[in-house]
Amino acid sequence: MKIVGGTAQMIGNIIERALLAPNQPLAAAFTLWPIGIMVVYLSIMGRLGAFRNL
């Protein structure tokens, strides 16, 4: 798959390629990064009080 306009690879494409090749541990490792980033972001926003009015 060729990305239009450049050679940058998105994390979803990297995970998909790792899943199609029989490399499940690498795909799992790539999947944990976005989850970890979201957890850190949401915990920081919770400490700053961003969710008090929801």
PDB file of N, CA and C in Angstrom:
ATOM      1  N   MET A   1       0.843  -1.172   0.000  1.00  0.00           N
ATOM      2  CA  MET A   1       0.000   0.000   0.000  1.00  0.00           C
ATOM      3  C   MET A   1       0.891   1.238   0.000  1.00  0.00           C
ATOM      4  N   LYS A   2       0.652   2.126  -0.923  1.00  0.00           N
ATOM      5  CA  LYS A   2       1.447   3.353  -1.021  1.00  0.00           C
ATOM      6  C   LYS A   2       0.653   4.512  -0.444  1.00  0.00           C
ATOM      7  N   ILE A   3       1.309   5.287   0.402  1.00  0.00           N
ATOM      8  CA  ILE A   3       0.661   6.439   1.008  1.00  0.00           C
ATOM      9  C   ILE A   3       0.801   7.618   0.048  1.00  0.00           C
ATOM     10  N   VAL A   4      -0.296   8.317  -0.208  1.00  0.00           N
ATOM     11  CA  VAL A   4      -0.294   9.436  -1.141  1.00  0.00           C
ATOM     12  C   VAL A   4       0.437  10.616  -0.505  1.00  0.00           C
ATOM     13  N   GLY A   5       1.378  11.171  -1.223  1.00  0.00           N
ATOM     14  CA  GLY A   5       2.014  12.396  -0.793  1.00  0.00           C
ATOM     15  C   GLY A   5       3.222  12.229   0.108  1.00  0.00           C
ATOM     16  N   GLY A   6       3.697  11.038   0.336  1.00  0.00           N
ATOM     17  CA  GLY A   6       4.866  10.901   1.193  1.00  0.00           C
ATOM     18  C   GLY A   6       5.161   9.467   1.564  1.00  0.00           C
ATOM     19  N   THR A   7       6.152   9.330   2.394  1.00  0.00           N
ATOM     20  CA  THR A   7       6.570   7.996   2.811  1.00  0.00           C
ATOM     21  C   THR A   7       6.329   7.766   4.293  1.00  0.00           C
ATOM     22  N   ALA A   8       5.688   8.704   4.980  1.00  0.00           N
ATOM     23  CA  ALA A   8       5.420   8.546   6.411  1.00  0.00           C
ATOM     24  C   ALA A   8       4.465   7.373   6.629  1.00  0.00           C
ATOM     25  N   GLN A   9       4.741   6.608   7.655  1.00  0.00           N
ATOM     26  CA  GLN A   9       3.918   5.443   7.979  1.00  0.00           C
ATOM     27  C   GLN A   9       3.099   5.729   9.229  1.00  0.00           C
ATOM     28  N   MET A  10       1.823   5.413   9.174  1.00  0.00           N
ATOM     29  CA  MET A  10       0.973   5.592  10.344  1.00  0.00           C
ATOM     30  C   MET A  10       1.016   4.317  11.173  1.00  0.00           C
ATOM     31  N   ILE A  11       0.771   4.453  12.480  1.00  0.00           N
ATOM     32  CA  ILE A  11       0.903   3.319  13.395  1.00  0.00           C
ATOM     33  C   ILE A  11      -0.081   2.203  13.035  1.00  0.00           C
ATOM     34  N   GLY A  12      -1.261   2.553  12.535  1.00  0.00           N
ATOM     35  CA  GLY A  12      -2.236   1.529  12.140  1.00  0.00           C
ATOM     36  C   GLY A  12      -1.733   0.659  11.004  1.00  0.00           C
ATOM     37  N   ASN A  13      -1.056   1.265  10.037  1.00  0.00           N
ATOM     38  CA  ASN A  13      -0.503   0.488   8.926  1.00  0.00           C
ATOM     39  C   ASN A  13       0.628  -0.420   9.391  1.00  0.00           C
ATOM     40  N   ILE A  14       1.437   0.060  10.322  1.00  0.00           N
ATOM     41  CA  ILE A  14       2.527  -0.763  10.853  1.00  0.00           C
ATOM     42  C   ILE A  14       1.962  -1.967  11.601  1.00  0.00           C
ATOM     43  N   ILE A  15       0.914  -1.750  12.403  1.00  0.00           N
ATOM     44  CA  ILE A  15       0.289  -2.856  13.149  1.00  0.00           C
ATOM     45  C   ILE A  15      -0.327  -3.858  12.182  1.00  0.00           C
ATOM     46  N   GLU A  16      -0.998  -3.357  11.145  1.00  0.00           N
ATOM     47  CA  GLU A  16      -1.622  -4.259  10.172  1.00  0.00           C
ATOM     48  C   GLU A  16      -0.574  -5.132   9.482  1.00  0.00           C
ATOM     49  N   ARG A  17       0.553  -4.536   9.095  1.00  0.00           N
ATOM     50  CA  ARG A  17       1.602  -5.318   8.451  1.00  0.00           C
ATOM     51  C   ARG A  17       2.197  -6.351   9.409  1.00  0.00           C
ATOM     52  N   ALA A  18       2.327  -5.994  10.683  1.00  0.00           N
ATOM     53  CA  ALA A  18       2.866  -6.937  11.656  1.00  0.00           C
ATOM     54  C   ALA A  18       1.883  -8.079  11.915  1.00  0.00           C
ATOM     55  N   LEU A  19       0.573  -7.790  11.832  1.00  0.00           N
ATOM     56  CA  LEU A  19      -0.425  -8.838  12.033  1.00  0.00           C
ATOM     57  C   LEU A  19      -0.499  -9.781  10.833  1.00  0.00           C
ATOM     58  N   LEU A  20      -0.332  -9.229   9.634  1.00  0.00           N
ATOM     59  CA  LEU A  20      -0.402 -10.079   8.444  1.00  0.00           C
ATOM     60  C   LEU A  20       0.804 -11.000   8.373  1.00  0.00           C
ATOM     61  N   ALA A  21       1.964 -10.505   8.768  1.00  0.00           N
ATOM     62  CA  ALA A  21       3.119 -11.384   8.911  1.00  0.00           C
ATOM     63  C   ALA A  21       2.922 -12.109  10.243  1.00  0.00           C
ATOM     64  N   PRO A  22       3.382 -13.311  10.379  1.00  0.00           N
ATOM     65  CA  PRO A  22       3.143 -14.031  11.631  1.00  0.00           C
ATOM     66  C   PRO A  22       4.028 -13.511  12.766  1.00  0.00           C
ATOM     67  N   ASN A  23       3.845 -12.258  13.137  1.00  0.00           N
ATOM     68  CA  ASN A  23       4.643 -11.654  14.188  1.00  0.00           C
ATOM     69  C   ASN A  23       3.711 -11.013  15.210  1.00  0.00           C
ATOM     70  N   GLN A  24       2.948 -11.831  15.912  1.00  0.00           N
ATOM     71  CA  GLN A  24       1.961 -11.348  16.863  1.00  0.00           C
ATOM     72  C   GLN A  24       2.569 -10.562  18.031  1.00  0.00           C
ATOM     73  N   PRO A  25       3.714 -10.953  18.606  1.00  0.00           N
ATOM     74  CA  PRO A  25       4.277 -10.162  19.708  1.00  0.00           C
ATOM     75  C   PRO A  25       4.646  -8.739  19.299  1.00  0.00           C
ATOM     76  N   LEU A  26       5.160  -8.566  18.099  1.00  0.00           N
ATOM     77  CA  LEU A  26       5.497  -7.228  17.631  1.00  0.00           C
ATOM     78  C   LEU A  26       4.236  -6.392  17.433  1.00  0.00           C
ATOM     79  N   ALA A  27       3.199  -6.981  16.896  1.00  0.00           N
ATOM     80  CA  ALA A  27       1.930  -6.268  16.717  1.00  0.00           C
ATOM     81  C   ALA A  27       1.347  -5.867  18.068  1.00  0.00           C
ATOM     82  N   ALA A  28       1.449  -6.737  19.058  1.00  0.00           N
ATOM     83  CA  ALA A  28       0.948  -6.408  20.399  1.00  0.00           C
ATOM     84  C   ALA A  28       1.755  -5.267  21.011  1.00  0.00           C
ATOM     85  N   ALA A  29       3.052  -5.262  20.798  1.00  0.00           N
ATOM     86  CA  ALA A  29       3.889  -4.186  21.335  1.00  0.00           C
ATOM     87  C   ALA A  29       3.536  -2.854  20.676  1.00  0.00           C
ATOM     88  N   PHE A  30       3.306  -2.858  19.363  1.00  0.00           N
ATOM     89  CA  PHE A  30       2.915  -1.627  18.675  1.00  0.00           C
ATOM     90  C   PHE A  30       1.543  -1.144  19.139  1.00  0.00           C
ATOM     91  N   THR A  31       0.670  -2.064  19.513  1.00  0.00           N
ATOM     92  CA  THR A  31      -0.671  -1.697  19.941  1.00  0.00           C
ATOM     93  C   THR A  31      -0.668  -1.064  21.322  1.00  0.00           C
ATOM     94  N   LEU A  32       0.277  -1.431  22.171  1.00  0.00           N
ATOM     95  CA  LEU A  32       0.300  -0.889  23.528  1.00  0.00           C
ATOM     96  C   LEU A  32       0.695   0.583  23.575  1.00  0.00           C
ATOM     97  N   TRP A  33       1.465   1.075  22.620  1.00  0.00           N
ATOM     98  CA  TRP A  33       1.880   2.477  22.641  1.00  0.00           C
ATOM     99  C   TRP A  33       0.713   3.454  22.576  1.00  0.00           C
ATOM    100  N   PRO A  34      -0.207   3.335  21.613  1.00  0.00           N
ATOM    101  CA  PRO A  34      -1.333   4.285  21.596  1.00  0.00           C
ATOM    102  C   PRO A  34      -2.210   4.181  22.842  1.00  0.00           C
ATOM    103  N   ILE A  35      -2.384   2.974  23.361  1.00  0.00           N
ATOM    104  CA  ILE A  35      -3.183   2.802  24.575  1.00  0.00           C
ATOM    105  C   ILE A  35      -2.502   3.502  25.748  1.00  0.00           C
ATOM    106  N   GLY A  36      -1.203   3.339  25.869  1.00  0.00           N
ATOM    107  CA  GLY A  36      -0.457   4.004  26.944  1.00  0.00           C
ATOM    108  C   GLY A  36      -0.509   5.515  26.837  1.00  0.00           C
ATOM    109  N   ILE A  37      -0.403   6.033  25.625  1.00  0.00           N
ATOM    110  CA  ILE A  37      -0.479   7.483  25.429  1.00  0.00           C
ATOM    111  C   ILE A  37      -1.852   8.006  25.840  1.00  0.00           C
ATOM    112  N   MET A  38      -2.918   7.281  25.492  1.00  0.00           N
ATOM    113  CA  MET A  38      -4.263   7.716  25.879  1.00  0.00           C
ATOM    114  C   MET A  38      -4.455   7.683  27.389  1.00  0.00           C
ATOM    115  N   VAL A  39      -3.939   6.662  28.056  1.00  0.00           N
ATOM    116  CA  VAL A  39      -4.069   6.566  29.511  1.00  0.00           C
ATOM    117  C   VAL A  39      -3.343   7.722  30.189  1.00  0.00           C
ATOM    118  N   VAL A  40      -2.135   8.024  29.739  1.00  0.00           N
ATOM    119  CA  VAL A  40      -1.384   9.138  30.317  1.00  0.00           C
ATOM    120  C   VAL A  40      -2.124  10.461  30.082  1.00  0.00           C
ATOM    121  N   TYR A  41      -2.611  10.679  28.879  1.00  0.00           N
ATOM    122  CA  TYR A  41      -3.330  11.913  28.560  1.00  0.00           C
ATOM    123  C   TYR A  41      -4.578  12.062  29.421  1.00  0.00           C
ATOM    124  N   LEU A  42      -5.378  10.999  29.525  1.00  0.00           N
ATOM    125  CA  LEU A  42      -6.610  11.080  30.310  1.00  0.00           C
ATOM    126  C   LEU A  42      -6.329  11.262  31.791  1.00  0.00           C
ATOM    127  N   SER A  43      -5.267  10.670  32.305  1.00  0.00           N
ATOM    128  CA  SER A  43      -4.942  10.871  33.718  1.00  0.00           C
ATOM    129  C   SER A  43      -4.492  12.305  33.982  1.00  0.00           C
ATOM    130  N   ILE A  44      -3.745  12.901  33.069  1.00  0.00           N
ATOM    131  CA  ILE A  44      -3.336  14.299  33.227  1.00  0.00           C
ATOM    132  C   ILE A  44      -4.556  15.210  33.166  1.00  0.00           C
ATOM    133  N   MET A  45      -5.456  14.964  32.223  1.00  0.00           N
ATOM    134  CA  MET A  45      -6.652  15.792  32.117  1.00  0.00           C
ATOM    135  C   MET A  45      -7.546  15.627  33.348  1.00  0.00           C
ATOM    136  N   GLY A  46      -7.592  14.428  33.909  1.00  0.00           N
ATOM    137  CA  GLY A  46      -8.366  14.208  35.132  1.00  0.00           C
ATOM    138  C   GLY A  46      -7.795  14.983  36.306  1.00  0.00           C
ATOM    139  N   ARG A  47      -6.471  15.044  36.419  1.00  0.00           N
ATOM    140  CA  ARG A  47      -5.854  15.808  37.500  1.00  0.00           C
ATOM    141  C   ARG A  47      -6.067  17.304  37.333  1.00  0.00           C
ATOM    142  N   LEU A  48      -6.148  17.757  36.098  1.00  0.00           N
ATOM    143  CA  LEU A  48      -6.379  19.181  35.841  1.00  0.00           C
ATOM    144  C   LEU A  48      -7.840  19.571  35.988  1.00  0.00           C
ATOM    145  N   GLY A  49      -8.731  18.593  36.174  1.00  0.00           N
ATOM    146  CA  GLY A  49     -10.139  18.888  36.403  1.00  0.00           C
ATOM    147  C   GLY A  49     -10.958  19.037  35.138  1.00  0.00           C
ATOM    148  N   ALA A  50     -10.533  18.462  34.063  1.00  0.00           N
ATOM    149  CA  ALA A  50     -11.247  18.610  32.794  1.00  0.00           C
ATOM    150  C   ALA A  50     -12.564  17.841  32.770  1.00  0.00           C
ATOM    151  N   PHE A  51     -12.759  16.883  33.648  1.00  0.00           N
ATOM    152  CA  PHE A  51     -13.951  16.038  33.604  1.00  0.00           C
ATOM    153  C   PHE A  51     -14.943  16.338  34.713  1.00  0.00           C
ATOM    154  N   ARG A  52     -14.752  17.418  35.438  1.00  0.00           N
ATOM    155  CA  ARG A  52     -15.646  17.723  36.571  1.00  0.00           C
ATOM    156  C   ARG A  52     -17.042  18.104  36.131  1.00  0.00           C
ATOM    157  N   ASN A  53     -17.190  18.755  34.986  1.00  0.00           N
ATOM    158  CA  ASN A  53     -18.493  19.229  34.545  1.00  0.00           C
ATOM    159  C   ASN A  53     -19.205  18.279  33.596  1.00  0.00           C
ATOM    160  N   LEU A  54     -18.707  17.083  33.433  1.00  0.00           N
ATOM    161  CA  LEU A  54     -19.367  16.137  32.521  1.00  0.00           C
ATOM    162  C   LEU A  54     -20.550  15.477  33.168  1.00  0.00           C
TER     163      LEU A  54
END
